[in-house]
Amino acid sequence: MQRILMRIVASLSFLTVSAAAQDASPLGFQNLRLGMSISEFRAKHPPASDGNGDLSSSSLLRHLTQSTCVRGTSGPRLESEQNHGVVRCTYKVPLEKVVSLLHMSAYSVSTIFVNGKLAVIEVEPPTNTNICFERPPQPGSDGFQMFAAACDRFRGLLKDMTDSVTKAGPVRTVTDNRYQLLLLRWDNGSSVAELEAEMCGPWNNADSGWANAVSEMLSGSYCGPSDSVSSSQPVMLYLHKELGRSLVQQLNR
């Protein structure tokens, strides 16, 4: 058990260890990287099919990583390639290698493209897991064993979420906000990433909400007076600065 606990601490050490010199390469998550083309994305996450009746675990795993794309951030579903304007594509990734219709644990990935380039990546772990994306309790403390037991299954996801930010420069902790929530922020010059243990923002999933959310990320603000909080939903956001500015302009038209 002690060995497992030490591994968890090591996987979360990015929260307390300063990174090396800044790397201006766009940030990313798993096989996604800010600035990539929508055609590259579709090659990795083809459009979701209607299904062929195959309910095997392997078929379900493939289906989870297929994407659904819409015009804008909440418009009608895209039926064909579109490389201009704003396109939002979403898919899910299983936490387990074997899934079934009765038991399936997955996290959500949402991407926003502007003029065919990836501007935003949003990763939403399962709800009610926010304790696993905060600073861990000190080893030996009352809450640490409970934390380790509940959060061990998220070590791989947390590593994927933070792999690209370890070279982005020191993490900045932001607590000056409406509810004094903890925000971890990285900035490497070309892009920024924010880890919110409790999602807070103008999250209405419409064009206007996303325009405001991206504007907040660009300015470095978080959880303002008009924002709402979801205490059960952690989220990791990645934003390409240049594309983000173009995205705000298009969403506000």
Protein backbone atom coordinates (compact mmCIF):
# COMPACT_ATOMS: atom_id res chain seq x y z
CA MET A 1 0.00 0.00 0.00
CA GLN A 2 2.82 2.38 0.86
CA ARG A 3 4.32 1.87 -2.59
CA ILE A 4 0.99 2.77 -4.23
CA LEU A 5 0.71 5.91 -2.12
CA MET A 6 4.22 7.03 -3.08
CA ARG A 7 3.41 6.55 -6.76
CA ILE A 8 0.37 8.80 -6.39
CA VAL A 9 2.45 11.48 -4.70
CA ALA A 10 5.01 11.27 -7.50
CA SER A 11 2.31 11.58 -10.18
CA LEU A 12 1.08 14.77 -8.52
CA SER A 13 4.50 16.29 -7.91
CA PHE A 14 3.97 18.71 -10.80
CA LEU A 15 1.88 20.76 -8.37
CA THR A 16 4.84 21.57 -6.15
CA VAL A 17 7.89 21.34 -8.38
CA SER A 18 8.89 24.24 -10.61
CA ALA A 19 9.33 23.33 -14.27
CA ALA A 20 12.30 23.94 -16.51
CA ALA A 21 12.67 26.82 -18.96
CA GLN A 22 9.59 27.72 -20.97
CA ASP A 23 8.77 25.72 -24.06
CA ALA A 24 6.71 27.67 -26.60
CA SER A 25 5.33 24.56 -28.31
CA PRO A 26 1.52 24.52 -28.18
CA LEU A 27 0.12 22.52 -25.27
CA GLY A 28 -1.95 19.40 -25.76
CA PHE A 29 -3.68 16.35 -24.32
CA GLN A 30 -2.97 12.77 -25.41
CA ASN A 31 -3.10 12.74 -29.25
CA LEU A 32 -4.44 16.30 -29.44
CA ARG A 33 -2.29 19.40 -29.77
CA LEU A 34 -3.43 22.99 -29.98
CA GLY A 35 -3.12 24.31 -33.53
CA MET A 36 -3.57 20.90 -35.20
CA SER A 37 -5.87 20.76 -38.22
CA ILE A 38 -9.39 19.43 -38.08
CA SER A 39 -8.46 16.84 -40.72
CA GLU A 40 -5.74 15.51 -38.36
CA PHE A 41 -8.31 15.37 -35.59
CA ARG A 42 -10.83 13.49 -37.72
CA ALA A 43 -8.19 10.94 -38.65
CA LYS A 44 -7.71 10.18 -34.95
CA HIS A 45 -11.38 10.55 -33.95
CA PRO A 46 -13.62 9.76 -36.93
CA PRO A 47 -17.30 10.76 -36.88
CA ALA A 48 -19.48 8.64 -34.63
CA SER A 49 -21.49 6.04 -36.52
CA ASP A 50 -25.04 4.97 -35.79
CA GLY A 51 -23.75 1.56 -34.69
CA ASN A 52 -24.13 -1.88 -36.22
CA GLY A 53 -25.48 -3.77 -33.24
CA ASP A 54 -22.06 -4.93 -32.04
CA LEU A 55 -22.14 -4.70 -28.23
CA SER A 56 -18.71 -6.23 -27.59
CA SER A 57 -16.24 -4.42 -25.33
CA SER A 58 -13.88 -3.69 -28.23
CA SER A 59 -16.71 -2.13 -30.25
CA LEU A 60 -17.80 0.02 -27.31
CA LEU A 61 -14.24 1.21 -26.78
CA ARG A 62 -13.96 2.28 -30.42
CA HIS A 63 -17.34 3.99 -30.27
CA LEU A 64 -16.37 6.03 -27.21
CA THR A 65 -13.45 7.69 -28.96
CA GLN A 66 -15.48 8.54 -32.08
CA SER A 67 -16.43 12.20 -32.23
CA THR A 68 -19.60 14.18 -32.78
CA CYS A 69 -19.07 17.60 -34.38
CA VAL A 70 -21.44 20.57 -34.55
CA ARG A 71 -21.39 24.03 -36.09
CA GLY A 72 -20.50 26.71 -33.58
CA THR A 73 -20.41 25.42 -30.01
CA SER A 74 -24.00 24.23 -29.76
CA GLY A 75 -25.40 24.23 -33.31
CA PRO A 76 -26.62 21.48 -35.64
CA ARG A 77 -24.54 18.39 -36.18
CA LEU A 78 -22.05 18.45 -39.05
CA GLU A 79 -22.68 15.89 -41.75
CA SER A 80 -19.55 16.65 -43.79
CA GLU A 81 -16.14 18.27 -43.58
CA GLN A 82 -16.12 21.95 -42.63
CA ASN A 83 -12.81 23.78 -42.40
CA HIS A 84 -14.01 27.32 -41.79
CA GLY A 85 -15.86 29.10 -39.03
CA VAL A 86 -16.28 27.51 -35.59
CA VAL A 87 -16.66 23.75 -35.13
CA ARG A 88 -16.98 21.91 -31.82
CA CYS A 89 -16.24 18.18 -31.59
CA THR A 90 -16.75 15.97 -28.52
CA TYR A 91 -15.97 12.38 -27.61
CA LYS A 92 -15.47 10.16 -24.55
CA VAL A 93 -12.54 8.05 -23.38
CA PRO A 94 -12.96 5.03 -21.07
CA LEU A 95 -10.96 4.80 -17.85
CA GLU A 96 -10.99 1.01 -18.01
CA LYS A 97 -9.74 -1.20 -20.83
CA VAL A 98 -12.95 -3.25 -20.66
CA VAL A 99 -16.34 -1.56 -20.75
CA SER A 100 -19.91 -2.79 -20.87
CA LEU A 101 -23.33 -1.28 -21.22
CA LEU A 102 -23.95 -1.96 -17.52
CA HIS A 103 -20.69 -0.49 -16.22
CA MET A 104 -18.83 2.17 -18.12
CA SER A 105 -16.59 4.85 -16.61
CA ALA A 106 -15.39 7.49 -19.05
CA TYR A 107 -14.28 11.10 -19.17
CA SER A 108 -15.31 13.66 -21.77
CA VAL A 109 -13.13 15.59 -24.21
CA SER A 110 -14.45 18.64 -26.05
CA THR A 111 -12.52 20.48 -28.76
CA ILE A 112 -13.24 23.78 -30.53
CA PHE A 113 -11.77 24.57 -33.94
CA VAL A 114 -11.65 27.98 -35.59
CA ASN A 115 -11.01 28.09 -39.35
CA GLY A 116 -9.87 24.48 -39.28
CA LYS A 117 -7.35 24.82 -36.41
CA LEU A 118 -7.68 23.54 -32.84
CA ALA A 119 -8.13 26.47 -30.46
CA VAL A 120 -9.54 24.89 -27.26
CA ILE A 121 -9.32 21.51 -25.56
CA GLU A 122 -11.58 20.80 -22.58
CA VAL A 123 -11.14 17.62 -20.50
CA GLU A 124 -13.88 16.77 -17.99
CA PRO A 125 -13.17 13.89 -15.58
CA PRO A 126 -16.21 12.08 -14.13
CA THR A 127 -18.30 14.18 -11.77
CA ASN A 128 -17.76 14.07 -8.01
CA THR A 129 -14.03 13.42 -8.44
CA ASN A 130 -12.79 16.95 -7.69
CA ILE A 131 -10.82 15.82 -4.62
CA CYS A 132 -8.57 13.85 -6.99
CA PHE A 133 -7.58 17.00 -8.91
CA GLU A 134 -6.64 19.20 -5.96
CA ARG A 135 -3.39 19.23 -4.02
CA PRO A 136 -3.17 15.82 -2.30
CA PRO A 137 -3.27 15.61 1.51
CA GLN A 138 0.07 15.13 3.24
CA PRO A 139 1.13 11.45 3.48
CA GLY A 140 0.20 10.17 6.91
CA SER A 141 -2.60 12.71 7.40
CA ASP A 142 -6.15 11.66 8.23
CA GLY A 143 -7.43 12.21 4.70
CA PHE A 144 -4.53 10.77 2.72
CA GLN A 145 -5.49 7.09 2.80
CA MET A 146 -9.03 7.88 1.72
CA PHE A 147 -7.66 10.13 -1.03
CA ALA A 148 -5.33 7.38 -2.27
CA ALA A 149 -8.07 4.75 -2.32
CA ALA A 150 -10.50 6.99 -4.20
CA CYS A 151 -8.04 8.56 -6.63
CA ASP A 152 -5.62 5.81 -7.64
CA ARG A 153 -7.71 5.08 -10.76
CA PHE A 154 -7.20 8.65 -12.00
CA ARG A 155 -3.38 8.66 -11.93
CA GLY A 156 -3.11 7.92 -15.65
CA LEU A 157 -5.64 10.59 -16.57
CA LEU A 158 -3.93 13.20 -14.39
CA LYS A 159 -0.57 12.36 -15.97
CA ASP A 160 -2.07 12.75 -19.47
CA MET A 161 -3.65 16.07 -18.46
CA THR A 162 -0.36 17.51 -17.19
CA ASP A 163 2.26 15.94 -19.48
CA SER A 164 2.49 18.92 -21.81
CA VAL A 165 2.40 21.58 -19.07
CA THR A 166 5.48 20.37 -17.19
CA LYS A 167 7.64 22.32 -19.67
CA ALA A 168 5.41 25.39 -19.69
CA GLY A 169 7.13 27.15 -16.81
CA PRO A 170 6.20 27.32 -13.12
CA VAL A 171 2.61 26.67 -12.16
CA ARG A 172 0.76 29.74 -10.89
CA THR A 173 -1.83 29.32 -8.15
CA VAL A 174 -4.83 31.64 -8.42
CA THR A 175 -7.20 32.05 -5.44
CA ASP A 176 -8.32 35.66 -5.93
CA ASN A 177 -11.84 34.90 -7.18
CA ARG A 178 -15.48 34.95 -6.18
CA TYR A 179 -15.42 31.77 -4.07
CA GLN A 180 -11.67 31.62 -3.29
CA LEU A 181 -11.42 28.44 -5.35
CA LEU A 182 -8.08 26.95 -6.33
CA LEU A 183 -7.00 27.40 -9.96
CA LEU A 184 -3.68 26.11 -11.31
CA ARG A 185 -2.49 27.98 -14.42
CA TRP A 186 0.38 27.44 -16.84
CA ASP A 187 1.47 29.82 -19.62
CA ASN A 188 4.23 29.11 -22.14
CA GLY A 189 3.70 32.18 -24.29
CA SER A 190 1.83 30.52 -27.16
CA SER A 191 -0.84 28.80 -25.09
CA VAL A 192 -2.25 28.48 -21.58
CA ALA A 193 -3.70 25.67 -19.48
CA GLU A 194 -5.90 25.82 -16.41
CA LEU A 195 -6.81 23.06 -13.98
CA GLU A 196 -9.98 23.79 -12.00
CA ALA A 197 -10.82 21.31 -9.24
CA GLU A 198 -14.25 22.97 -9.21
CA MET A 199 -15.43 24.28 -12.56
CA CYS A 200 -16.38 27.95 -12.40
CA GLY A 201 -17.22 30.22 -15.30
CA PRO A 202 -19.87 31.32 -17.79
CA TRP A 203 -20.58 27.68 -18.70
CA ASN A 204 -23.80 27.66 -20.71
CA ASN A 205 -22.16 25.72 -23.59
CA ALA A 206 -23.53 28.28 -26.06
CA ASP A 207 -21.44 30.56 -28.27
CA SER A 208 -21.75 33.49 -25.86
CA GLY A 209 -20.69 31.40 -22.88
CA TRP A 210 -17.63 30.06 -24.65
CA ALA A 211 -16.68 33.55 -25.86
CA ASN A 212 -16.73 34.77 -22.25
CA ALA A 213 -14.86 31.72 -20.98
CA VAL A 214 -12.08 32.08 -23.55
CA SER A 215 -11.85 35.82 -22.83
CA GLU A 216 -11.38 35.03 -19.13
CA MET A 217 -8.60 32.57 -19.92
CA LEU A 218 -6.85 35.09 -22.16
CA SER A 219 -6.99 37.77 -19.45
CA GLY A 220 -5.99 35.39 -16.64
CA SER A 221 -9.21 35.95 -14.66
CA TYR A 222 -11.23 33.17 -13.06
CA CYS A 223 -14.62 32.79 -11.37
CA GLY A 224 -15.80 36.38 -11.69
CA PRO A 225 -18.91 38.00 -10.18
CA SER A 226 -21.23 36.73 -12.92
CA ASP A 227 -19.76 33.20 -13.13
CA SER A 228 -21.37 30.10 -11.63
CA VAL A 229 -19.62 27.18 -9.94
CA SER A 230 -20.12 23.42 -10.26
CA SER A 231 -18.62 21.98 -7.10
CA SER A 232 -18.80 18.40 -8.38
CA GLN A 233 -17.05 18.88 -11.76
CA PRO A 234 -13.28 19.26 -12.23
CA VAL A 235 -12.02 20.45 -15.62
CA MET A 236 -8.75 20.98 -17.49
CA LEU A 237 -8.70 23.63 -20.21
CA TYR A 238 -6.04 24.29 -22.87
CA LEU A 239 -6.15 27.42 -25.04
CA HIS A 240 -4.13 28.51 -28.07
CA LYS A 241 -3.78 32.28 -27.51
CA GLU A 242 -3.77 33.48 -31.12
CA LEU A 243 -6.56 31.14 -32.21
CA GLY A 244 -8.43 31.96 -29.01
CA ARG A 245 -8.58 35.64 -29.92
CA SER A 246 -9.93 34.75 -33.36
CA LEU A 247 -12.44 32.39 -31.74
CA VAL A 248 -13.81 35.12 -29.46
CA GLN A 249 -14.30 37.42 -32.46
CA GLN A 250 -16.21 34.80 -34.41
CA LEU A 251 -18.36 33.71 -31.47
CA ASN A 252 -19.35 37.31 -30.75
CA ARG A 253 -20.55 38.05 -34.29
